[in-house]
Amino acid sequence: WKETGIDPVEMYAGGSDGEEATEEERMAAAIFPEYQRVLRTSKKLDFGDLILSAVQLLRSEEAILMRMREDLGYVMVDEFQDMSPMQYELMRLIVTGQSYPGPPPDAAPGEKMGGGAHAHSHHRPKVVRLFCAGDDDQSVYGWRGVNAVQNIRSFTQDMPGATVLYLDT
């Protein structure tokens, strides 16, 4: 859930995708707040927290985002097709220096965990070059909220001037 920016309690209160929630979804949503509480009290983060926290920080703190961008010249992403929505947003934030005002544009109902404000640069933004390699036929993380085809479609919209090369073997 965290990797898609979805709050499971809110999402599964009415079911995913407008459908009635399954017993497993309701159970998972019921357990989630306690899981988060245990993580907080033990001062731990899970993998989803790491990505989500970075996205939230960069969305809310323009100075940190700009500083990070100043230190980077290039970003390389391998297995692009397996990026979760929050990983994609983290990459997009770093490369473009701009944030969506809320969840990613392909947000499903209930998505709110990413939140944040636009990052506005008052000076000419540094160019961060991006190289991605991926194959939409090899995606293995659908269970993690990954949509390889959406990632590739969004890429050309979100990265103005991007060149996409298709390799056939």
N, C-alpha and C. Protein backbone atom coordinates (compact mmCIF):
# COMPACT_ATOMS: atom_id res chain seq x y z
N TRP A 1 0.82 -1.20 0.00
CA TRP A 1 0.00 0.00 0.00
C TRP A 1 0.85 1.25 0.00
N LYS A 2 1.86 1.27 0.84
CA LYS A 2 2.69 2.47 0.94
C LYS A 2 3.35 2.76 -0.39
N GLU A 3 3.73 1.71 -1.11
CA GLU A 3 4.43 1.90 -2.37
C GLU A 3 3.51 2.41 -3.48
N THR A 4 2.21 2.39 -3.24
CA THR A 4 1.28 2.97 -4.19
C THR A 4 0.74 4.29 -3.68
N GLY A 5 1.05 4.64 -2.42
CA GLY A 5 0.55 5.88 -1.84
C GLY A 5 -0.86 5.75 -1.31
N ILE A 6 -1.32 4.54 -1.14
CA ILE A 6 -2.69 4.30 -0.70
C ILE A 6 -2.75 4.07 0.80
N ASP A 7 -3.72 4.68 1.43
CA ASP A 7 -4.01 4.42 2.84
C ASP A 7 -5.00 3.25 2.87
N PRO A 8 -4.56 2.07 3.32
CA PRO A 8 -5.43 0.89 3.24
C PRO A 8 -6.70 0.99 4.07
N VAL A 9 -6.65 1.68 5.17
CA VAL A 9 -7.85 1.80 6.01
C VAL A 9 -8.93 2.56 5.23
N GLU A 10 -8.53 3.67 4.61
CA GLU A 10 -9.49 4.45 3.83
C GLU A 10 -9.93 3.70 2.58
N MET A 11 -8.98 3.08 1.89
CA MET A 11 -9.29 2.41 0.64
C MET A 11 -10.25 1.24 0.85
N TYR A 12 -9.96 0.42 1.84
CA TYR A 12 -10.75 -0.79 2.02
C TYR A 12 -11.99 -0.60 2.85
N ALA A 13 -12.21 0.61 3.33
CA ALA A 13 -13.46 0.86 4.04
C ALA A 13 -14.63 0.65 3.09
N GLY A 14 -14.43 0.98 1.82
CA GLY A 14 -15.48 0.80 0.83
C GLY A 14 -15.11 -0.22 -0.22
N GLY A 15 -13.97 -0.86 -0.09
CA GLY A 15 -13.54 -1.84 -1.07
C GLY A 15 -12.62 -1.21 -2.10
N SER A 16 -11.76 -2.03 -2.68
CA SER A 16 -10.84 -1.54 -3.70
C SER A 16 -11.55 -1.44 -5.04
N ASP A 17 -11.21 -0.44 -5.80
CA ASP A 17 -11.77 -0.23 -7.14
C ASP A 17 -13.29 -0.17 -7.14
N GLY A 18 -13.87 0.35 -6.05
CA GLY A 18 -15.30 0.49 -5.98
C GLY A 18 -16.04 -0.80 -5.68
N GLU A 19 -15.31 -1.90 -5.55
CA GLU A 19 -15.94 -3.18 -5.22
C GLU A 19 -15.94 -3.35 -3.71
N GLU A 20 -16.80 -4.23 -3.25
CA GLU A 20 -16.82 -4.50 -1.82
C GLU A 20 -15.51 -5.16 -1.41
N ALA A 21 -14.98 -4.74 -0.27
CA ALA A 21 -13.71 -5.27 0.23
C ALA A 21 -13.85 -6.75 0.55
N THR A 22 -12.79 -7.50 0.25
CA THR A 22 -12.77 -8.91 0.61
C THR A 22 -12.47 -9.03 2.10
N GLU A 23 -12.67 -10.20 2.64
CA GLU A 23 -12.36 -10.45 4.05
C GLU A 23 -10.88 -10.17 4.31
N GLU A 24 -10.01 -10.60 3.38
CA GLU A 24 -8.58 -10.38 3.55
C GLU A 24 -8.23 -8.90 3.53
N GLU A 25 -8.88 -8.14 2.65
CA GLU A 25 -8.63 -6.70 2.59
C GLU A 25 -9.09 -6.01 3.87
N ARG A 26 -10.26 -6.38 4.37
CA ARG A 26 -10.74 -5.79 5.62
C ARG A 26 -9.83 -6.14 6.79
N MET A 27 -9.35 -7.39 6.82
CA MET A 27 -8.46 -7.82 7.90
C MET A 27 -7.13 -7.07 7.83
N ALA A 28 -6.58 -6.96 6.63
CA ALA A 28 -5.31 -6.25 6.47
C ALA A 28 -5.45 -4.78 6.86
N ALA A 29 -6.55 -4.17 6.45
CA ALA A 29 -6.77 -2.76 6.79
C ALA A 29 -6.94 -2.59 8.30
N ALA A 30 -7.54 -3.57 8.95
CA ALA A 30 -7.73 -3.50 10.41
C ALA A 30 -6.40 -3.63 11.14
N ILE A 31 -5.49 -4.41 10.61
CA ILE A 31 -4.19 -4.65 11.25
C ILE A 31 -3.21 -3.51 10.97
N PHE A 32 -3.36 -2.84 9.85
CA PHE A 32 -2.40 -1.84 9.40
C PHE A 32 -2.09 -0.76 10.44
N PRO A 33 -3.08 -0.14 11.08
CA PRO A 33 -2.75 0.90 12.07
C PRO A 33 -1.88 0.37 13.22
N GLU A 34 -2.15 -0.84 13.67
CA GLU A 34 -1.32 -1.41 14.74
C GLU A 34 0.09 -1.68 14.24
N TYR A 35 0.22 -2.18 13.03
CA TYR A 35 1.53 -2.41 12.41
C TYR A 35 2.32 -1.11 12.36
N GLN A 36 1.66 -0.03 11.93
CA GLN A 36 2.32 1.28 11.87
C GLN A 36 2.72 1.77 13.27
N ARG A 37 1.85 1.53 14.24
CA ARG A 37 2.15 1.95 15.62
C ARG A 37 3.38 1.22 16.15
N VAL A 38 3.46 -0.08 15.90
CA VAL A 38 4.62 -0.87 16.35
C VAL A 38 5.89 -0.36 15.67
N LEU A 39 5.81 -0.06 14.38
CA LEU A 39 6.98 0.49 13.69
C LEU A 39 7.41 1.81 14.34
N ARG A 40 6.46 2.72 14.55
CA ARG A 40 6.78 4.03 15.14
C ARG A 40 7.39 3.90 16.53
N THR A 41 6.76 3.09 17.39
CA THR A 41 7.26 2.99 18.77
C THR A 41 8.61 2.30 18.85
N SER A 42 8.91 1.45 17.88
CA SER A 42 10.22 0.80 17.87
C SER A 42 11.23 1.57 17.02
N LYS A 43 10.81 2.75 16.52
CA LYS A 43 11.67 3.62 15.71
C LYS A 43 12.24 2.89 14.50
N LYS A 44 11.35 2.20 13.81
CA LYS A 44 11.73 1.45 12.61
C LYS A 44 10.89 1.90 11.41
N LEU A 45 11.44 1.67 10.25
CA LEU A 45 10.74 1.92 8.99
C LEU A 45 10.79 0.65 8.16
N ASP A 46 9.73 0.38 7.43
CA ASP A 46 9.81 -0.71 6.47
C ASP A 46 10.17 -0.11 5.11
N PHE A 47 10.32 -0.95 4.10
CA PHE A 47 10.75 -0.47 2.79
C PHE A 47 9.79 0.57 2.24
N GLY A 48 8.50 0.33 2.37
CA GLY A 48 7.52 1.29 1.89
C GLY A 48 7.64 2.64 2.57
N ASP A 49 7.95 2.62 3.88
CA ASP A 49 8.13 3.88 4.62
C ASP A 49 9.33 4.66 4.09
N LEU A 50 10.38 3.97 3.73
CA LEU A 50 11.58 4.66 3.25
C LEU A 50 11.26 5.48 2.00
N ILE A 51 10.57 4.87 1.05
CA ILE A 51 10.24 5.56 -0.19
C ILE A 51 9.20 6.65 0.06
N LEU A 52 8.13 6.31 0.77
CA LEU A 52 7.06 7.27 1.04
C LEU A 52 7.58 8.47 1.83
N SER A 53 8.43 8.23 2.82
CA SER A 53 8.98 9.33 3.62
C SER A 53 9.85 10.24 2.77
N ALA A 54 10.62 9.67 1.87
CA ALA A 54 11.46 10.48 0.98
C ALA A 54 10.59 11.33 0.07
N VAL A 55 9.53 10.76 -0.48
CA VAL A 55 8.63 11.52 -1.35
C VAL A 55 7.97 12.65 -0.57
N GLN A 56 7.47 12.35 0.62
CA GLN A 56 6.82 13.38 1.43
C GLN A 56 7.79 14.50 1.79
N LEU A 57 9.02 14.15 2.14
CA LEU A 57 10.02 15.16 2.48
C LEU A 57 10.33 16.05 1.29
N LEU A 58 10.58 15.46 0.13
CA LEU A 58 10.93 16.25 -1.04
C LEU A 58 9.77 17.09 -1.54
N ARG A 59 8.54 16.60 -1.34
CA ARG A 59 7.36 17.40 -1.72
C ARG A 59 7.17 18.59 -0.80
N SER A 60 7.50 18.44 0.46
CA SER A 60 7.21 19.49 1.42
C SER A 60 8.38 20.44 1.67
N GLU A 61 9.59 20.04 1.34
CA GLU A 61 10.78 20.85 1.62
C GLU A 61 11.55 21.14 0.34
N GLU A 62 11.17 22.24 -0.31
CA GLU A 62 11.79 22.60 -1.58
C GLU A 62 13.31 22.72 -1.48
N ALA A 63 13.81 23.27 -0.38
CA ALA A 63 15.26 23.47 -0.23
C ALA A 63 15.99 22.14 -0.25
N ILE A 64 15.42 21.14 0.37
CA ILE A 64 16.06 19.81 0.38
C ILE A 64 16.04 19.21 -1.01
N LEU A 65 14.91 19.34 -1.70
CA LEU A 65 14.80 18.83 -3.07
C LEU A 65 15.83 19.52 -3.97
N MET A 66 15.93 20.83 -3.88
CA MET A 66 16.87 21.57 -4.73
C MET A 66 18.31 21.20 -4.40
N ARG A 67 18.61 21.03 -3.11
CA ARG A 67 19.97 20.64 -2.71
C ARG A 67 20.32 19.26 -3.26
N MET A 68 19.38 18.34 -3.17
CA MET A 68 19.61 17.00 -3.70
C MET A 68 19.87 17.06 -5.20
N ARG A 69 19.09 17.85 -5.90
CA ARG A 69 19.25 17.98 -7.35
C ARG A 69 20.60 18.61 -7.70
N GLU A 70 21.09 19.54 -6.88
CA GLU A 70 22.38 20.17 -7.13
C GLU A 70 23.52 19.16 -7.04
N ASP A 71 23.35 18.16 -6.20
CA ASP A 71 24.41 17.16 -6.01
C ASP A 71 24.38 16.04 -7.04
N LEU A 72 23.35 16.01 -7.87
CA LEU A 72 23.21 14.94 -8.85
C LEU A 72 23.41 15.47 -10.27
N GLY A 73 24.05 14.69 -11.09
CA GLY A 73 24.14 15.00 -12.50
C GLY A 73 23.34 14.02 -13.31
N TYR A 74 23.31 12.78 -12.83
CA TYR A 74 22.67 11.70 -13.57
C TYR A 74 21.91 10.79 -12.61
N VAL A 75 20.81 10.26 -13.11
CA VAL A 75 20.06 9.23 -12.39
C VAL A 75 19.88 8.09 -13.38
N MET A 76 20.21 6.88 -12.94
CA MET A 76 20.02 5.69 -13.78
C MET A 76 19.06 4.75 -13.08
N VAL A 77 18.06 4.30 -13.82
CA VAL A 77 17.06 3.37 -13.29
C VAL A 77 17.09 2.11 -14.15
N ASP A 78 17.40 1.00 -13.53
CA ASP A 78 17.32 -0.29 -14.22
C ASP A 78 16.03 -0.97 -13.77
N GLU A 79 15.51 -1.85 -14.58
CA GLU A 79 14.24 -2.53 -14.29
C GLU A 79 13.13 -1.50 -14.08
N PHE A 80 13.10 -0.50 -14.95
CA PHE A 80 12.13 0.60 -14.87
C PHE A 80 10.70 0.08 -14.77
N GLN A 81 10.42 -1.01 -15.44
CA GLN A 81 9.06 -1.55 -15.45
C GLN A 81 8.60 -1.99 -14.06
N ASP A 82 9.51 -2.18 -13.13
CA ASP A 82 9.16 -2.65 -11.79
C ASP A 82 9.11 -1.55 -10.74
N MET A 83 9.09 -0.30 -11.18
CA MET A 83 9.00 0.81 -10.23
C MET A 83 7.57 0.94 -9.72
N SER A 84 7.44 1.00 -8.40
CA SER A 84 6.12 1.25 -7.81
C SER A 84 5.75 2.71 -8.07
N PRO A 85 4.47 3.06 -7.89
CA PRO A 85 4.09 4.47 -8.09
C PRO A 85 4.89 5.44 -7.22
N MET A 86 5.21 5.09 -6.00
CA MET A 86 5.98 6.00 -5.14
C MET A 86 7.45 6.05 -5.57
N GLN A 87 8.01 4.94 -6.02
CA GLN A 87 9.38 4.98 -6.55
C GLN A 87 9.43 5.85 -7.80
N TYR A 88 8.42 5.72 -8.65
CA TYR A 88 8.34 6.53 -9.86
C TYR A 88 8.25 8.01 -9.47
N GLU A 89 7.42 8.33 -8.49
CA GLU A 89 7.27 9.72 -8.04
C GLU A 89 8.58 10.25 -7.48
N LEU A 90 9.30 9.43 -6.73
CA LEU A 90 10.60 9.85 -6.19
C LEU A 90 11.56 10.17 -7.32
N MET A 91 11.62 9.29 -8.32
CA MET A 91 12.49 9.53 -9.47
C MET A 91 12.07 10.81 -10.18
N ARG A 92 10.78 10.98 -10.42
CA ARG A 92 10.27 12.13 -11.14
C ARG A 92 10.55 13.43 -10.38
N LEU A 93 10.37 13.41 -9.08
CA LEU A 93 10.67 14.58 -8.26
C LEU A 93 12.14 14.98 -8.39
N ILE A 94 13.02 14.01 -8.26
CA ILE A 94 14.45 14.29 -8.31
C ILE A 94 14.86 14.81 -9.68
N VAL A 95 14.33 14.22 -10.73
CA VAL A 95 14.74 14.60 -12.08
C VAL A 95 14.13 15.93 -12.51
N THR A 96 12.84 16.14 -12.23
CA THR A 96 12.18 17.36 -12.71
C THR A 96 12.21 18.50 -11.70
N GLY A 97 12.33 18.18 -10.42
CA GLY A 97 12.31 19.20 -9.39
C GLY A 97 10.91 19.72 -9.11
N GLN A 98 9.90 19.08 -9.64
CA GLN A 98 8.52 19.53 -9.44
C GLN A 98 7.67 18.39 -8.91
N SER A 99 6.72 18.75 -8.07
CA SER A 99 5.84 17.76 -7.47
C SER A 99 4.41 17.95 -7.93
N TYR A 100 3.70 16.86 -8.01
CA TYR A 100 2.25 16.94 -8.16
C TYR A 100 1.71 17.43 -6.83
N PRO A 101 0.56 18.07 -6.80
CA PRO A 101 0.03 18.56 -5.53
C PRO A 101 -0.46 17.45 -4.61
N GLY A 102 -0.60 16.26 -5.09
CA GLY A 102 -1.10 15.15 -4.28
C GLY A 102 -0.54 13.85 -4.79
N PRO A 103 -1.33 12.79 -4.76
CA PRO A 103 -0.87 11.49 -5.23
C PRO A 103 -0.52 11.54 -6.71
N PRO A 104 0.18 10.52 -7.20
CA PRO A 104 0.53 10.47 -8.61
C PRO A 104 -0.71 10.59 -9.50
N PRO A 105 -0.56 11.01 -10.76
CA PRO A 105 -1.71 11.27 -11.61
C PRO A 105 -2.55 10.03 -11.89
N ASP A 106 -2.00 8.83 -11.77
CA ASP A 106 -2.76 7.61 -12.02
C ASP A 106 -3.31 7.05 -10.71
N ALA A 107 -3.54 7.94 -9.74
CA ALA A 107 -3.97 7.53 -8.40
C ALA A 107 -5.30 6.78 -8.44
N ALA A 108 -5.38 5.75 -7.65
CA ALA A 108 -6.61 4.98 -7.49
C ALA A 108 -7.42 5.61 -6.36
N PRO A 109 -8.69 5.24 -6.26
CA PRO A 109 -9.51 5.78 -5.17
C PRO A 109 -8.86 5.51 -3.82
N GLY A 110 -8.87 6.51 -2.95
CA GLY A 110 -8.32 6.34 -1.61
C GLY A 110 -6.88 6.74 -1.48
N GLU A 111 -6.21 7.08 -2.58
CA GLU A 111 -4.80 7.43 -2.48
C GLU A 111 -4.65 8.82 -1.89
N LYS A 112 -3.96 8.90 -0.75
CA LYS A 112 -3.72 10.19 -0.13
C LYS A 112 -2.39 10.24 0.58
N MET A 113 -1.74 9.13 0.79
CA MET A 113 -0.58 9.11 1.66
C MET A 113 0.57 9.95 1.16
N GLY A 114 0.69 10.20 -0.14
CA GLY A 114 1.82 10.94 -0.66
C GLY A 114 1.73 12.42 -0.41
N GLY A 115 0.55 13.01 -0.53
CA GLY A 115 0.29 14.43 -0.30
C GLY A 115 1.43 15.38 -0.57
N GLY A 116 1.25 16.67 -0.43
CA GLY A 116 2.38 17.59 -0.52
C GLY A 116 2.09 18.80 -1.38
N ALA A 117 3.05 19.68 -1.41
CA ALA A 117 2.90 20.93 -2.14
C ALA A 117 3.79 20.92 -3.36
N HIS A 118 3.50 21.83 -4.27
CA HIS A 118 4.35 21.98 -5.45
C HIS A 118 5.71 22.50 -5.04
N ALA A 119 6.73 22.01 -5.70
CA ALA A 119 8.06 22.58 -5.51
C ALA A 119 8.25 23.64 -6.60
N HIS A 120 8.51 24.84 -6.20
CA HIS A 120 8.71 25.93 -7.16
C HIS A 120 10.13 26.44 -7.04
N SER A 121 10.83 26.46 -8.14
CA SER A 121 12.19 26.96 -8.11
C SER A 121 12.18 28.43 -8.50
N HIS A 122 12.93 29.23 -7.77
CA HIS A 122 13.01 30.66 -8.06
C HIS A 122 14.24 30.99 -8.89
N HIS A 123 14.97 29.99 -9.28
CA HIS A 123 16.12 30.17 -10.15
C HIS A 123 16.07 29.12 -11.23
N ARG A 124 16.94 29.27 -12.21
CA ARG A 124 16.96 28.30 -13.30
C ARG A 124 17.33 26.93 -12.75
N PRO A 125 16.45 25.95 -12.91
CA PRO A 125 16.72 24.64 -12.33
C PRO A 125 17.85 23.91 -13.04
N LYS A 126 18.60 23.18 -12.26
CA LYS A 126 19.68 22.36 -12.79
C LYS A 126 19.07 21.20 -13.58
N VAL A 127 19.71 20.82 -14.64
CA VAL A 127 19.26 19.67 -15.42
C VAL A 127 19.85 18.41 -14.80
N VAL A 128 18.98 17.48 -14.45
CA VAL A 128 19.41 16.17 -13.98
C VAL A 128 19.06 15.19 -15.09
N ARG A 129 20.07 14.56 -15.63
CA ARG A 129 19.86 13.65 -16.75
C ARG A 129 19.42 12.29 -16.23
N LEU A 130 18.52 11.66 -16.98
CA LEU A 130 17.92 10.40 -16.57
C LEU A 130 18.08 9.35 -17.66
N PHE A 131 18.47 8.16 -17.26
CA PHE A 131 18.53 7.02 -18.16
C PHE A 131 17.76 5.89 -17.50
N CYS A 132 16.80 5.33 -18.22
CA CYS A 132 16.02 4.21 -17.70
C CYS A 132 16.10 3.05 -18.68
N ALA A 133 16.15 1.85 -18.14
CA ALA A 133 16.09 0.64 -18.96
C ALA A 133 14.99 -0.24 -18.39
N GLY A 134 14.13 -0.72 -19.26
CA GLY A 134 13.05 -1.56 -18.77
C GLY A 134 12.37 -2.30 -19.90
N ASP A 135 11.62 -3.32 -19.54
CA ASP A 135 10.90 -4.15 -20.50
C ASP A 135 9.54 -4.46 -19.91
N ASP A 136 8.49 -3.90 -20.52
CA ASP A 136 7.15 -4.09 -19.96
C ASP A 136 6.68 -5.54 -20.00
N ASP A 137 7.36 -6.39 -20.73
CA ASP A 137 7.02 -7.82 -20.75
C ASP A 137 7.64 -8.57 -19.57
N GLN A 138 8.47 -7.92 -18.78
CA GLN A 138 9.17 -8.60 -17.69
C GLN A 138 8.76 -8.14 -16.30
N SER A 139 7.68 -7.43 -16.18
CA SER A 139 7.27 -6.93 -14.88
C SER A 139 6.83 -8.08 -13.97
N VAL A 140 7.37 -8.07 -12.75
CA VAL A 140 7.05 -9.14 -11.79
C VAL A 140 6.49 -8.60 -10.48
N TYR A 141 6.26 -7.28 -10.40
CA TYR A 141 5.83 -6.70 -9.13
C TYR A 141 4.42 -6.12 -9.18
N GLY A 142 3.53 -6.74 -9.91
CA GLY A 142 2.15 -6.28 -9.95
C GLY A 142 1.52 -6.28 -8.57
N TRP A 143 1.90 -7.23 -7.74
CA TRP A 143 1.38 -7.32 -6.37
C TRP A 143 1.79 -6.13 -5.52
N ARG A 144 2.82 -5.41 -5.96
CA ARG A 144 3.33 -4.25 -5.23
C ARG A 144 2.77 -2.94 -5.78
N GLY A 145 1.77 -3.05 -6.65
CA GLY A 145 1.15 -1.86 -7.22
C GLY A 145 1.81 -1.37 -8.49
N VAL A 146 2.72 -2.17 -9.04
CA VAL A 146 3.45 -1.77 -10.24
C VAL A 146 2.58 -1.98 -11.47
N ASN A 147 2.58 -0.99 -12.35
CA ASN A 147 1.88 -1.08 -13.62
C ASN A 147 2.89 -0.67 -14.69
N ALA A 148 3.57 -1.66 -15.28
CA ALA A 148 4.66 -1.40 -16.22
C ALA A 148 4.21 -0.56 -17.41
N VAL A 149 3.06 -0.86 -17.96
CA VAL A 149 2.57 -0.11 -19.12
C VAL A 149 2.31 1.34 -18.73
N GLN A 150 1.70 1.56 -17.56
CA GLN A 150 1.45 2.93 -17.09
C GLN A 150 2.76 3.67 -16.85
N ASN A 151 3.75 2.99 -16.29
CA ASN A 151 5.06 3.63 -16.08
C ASN A 151 5.62 4.15 -17.39
N ILE A 152 5.56 3.33 -18.41
CA ILE A 152 6.14 3.71 -19.70
C ILE A 152 5.34 4.84 -20.34
N ARG A 153 4.01 4.77 -20.25
CA ARG A 153 3.17 5.85 -20.79
C ARG A 153 3.42 7.16 -20.04
N SER A 154 3.47 7.09 -18.72
CA SER A 154 3.68 8.29 -17.91
C SER A 154 5.04 8.91 -18.18
N PHE A 155 6.02 8.08 -18.46
CA PHE A 155 7.38 8.56 -18.65
C PHE A 155 7.44 9.63 -19.73
N THR A 156 6.84 9.37 -20.87
CA THR A 156 6.92 10.34 -21.97
C THR A 156 6.15 11.61 -21.65
N GLN A 157 5.10 11.53 -20.82
CA GLN A 157 4.35 12.72 -20.42
C GLN A 157 5.07 13.50 -19.33
N ASP A 158 5.68 12.79 -18.39
CA ASP A 158 6.29 13.42 -17.22
C ASP A 158 7.71 13.92 -17.47
N MET A 159 8.34 13.43 -18.49
CA MET A 159 9.72 13.81 -18.78
C MET A 159 9.79 14.49 -20.14
N PRO A 160 9.45 15.77 -20.18
CA PRO A 160 9.45 16.49 -21.47
C PRO A 160 10.81 16.37 -22.15
N GLY A 161 10.77 16.13 -23.43
CA GLY A 161 12.01 16.01 -24.20
C GLY A 161 12.64 14.64 -24.12
N ALA A 162 11.99 13.71 -23.44
CA ALA A 162 12.56 12.36 -23.32
C ALA A 162 12.55 11.67 -24.67
N THR A 163 13.55 10.86 -24.88
CA THR A 163 13.63 10.03 -26.06
C THR A 163 13.47 8.58 -25.63
N VAL A 164 12.55 7.88 -26.26
CA VAL A 164 12.33 6.47 -25.95
C VAL A 164 12.85 5.65 -27.12
N LEU A 165 13.73 4.73 -26.80
CA LEU A 165 14.28 3.84 -27.81
C LEU A 165 13.74 2.44 -27.56
N TYR A 166 13.22 1.83 -28.60
CA TYR A 166 12.69 0.47 -28.48
C TYR A 166 13.70 -0.49 -29.10
N LEU A 167 14.07 -1.49 -28.34
CA LEU A 167 15.01 -2.49 -28.82
C LEU A 167 14.26 -3.79 -29.06
N ASP A 168 14.38 -4.34 -30.24
CA ASP A 168 13.76 -5.62 -30.56
C ASP A 168 14.84 -6.66 -30.72
N THR A 169 14.59 -7.82 -30.13
CA THR A 169 15.58 -8.90 -30.27
C THR A 169 14.99 -10.06 -31.01
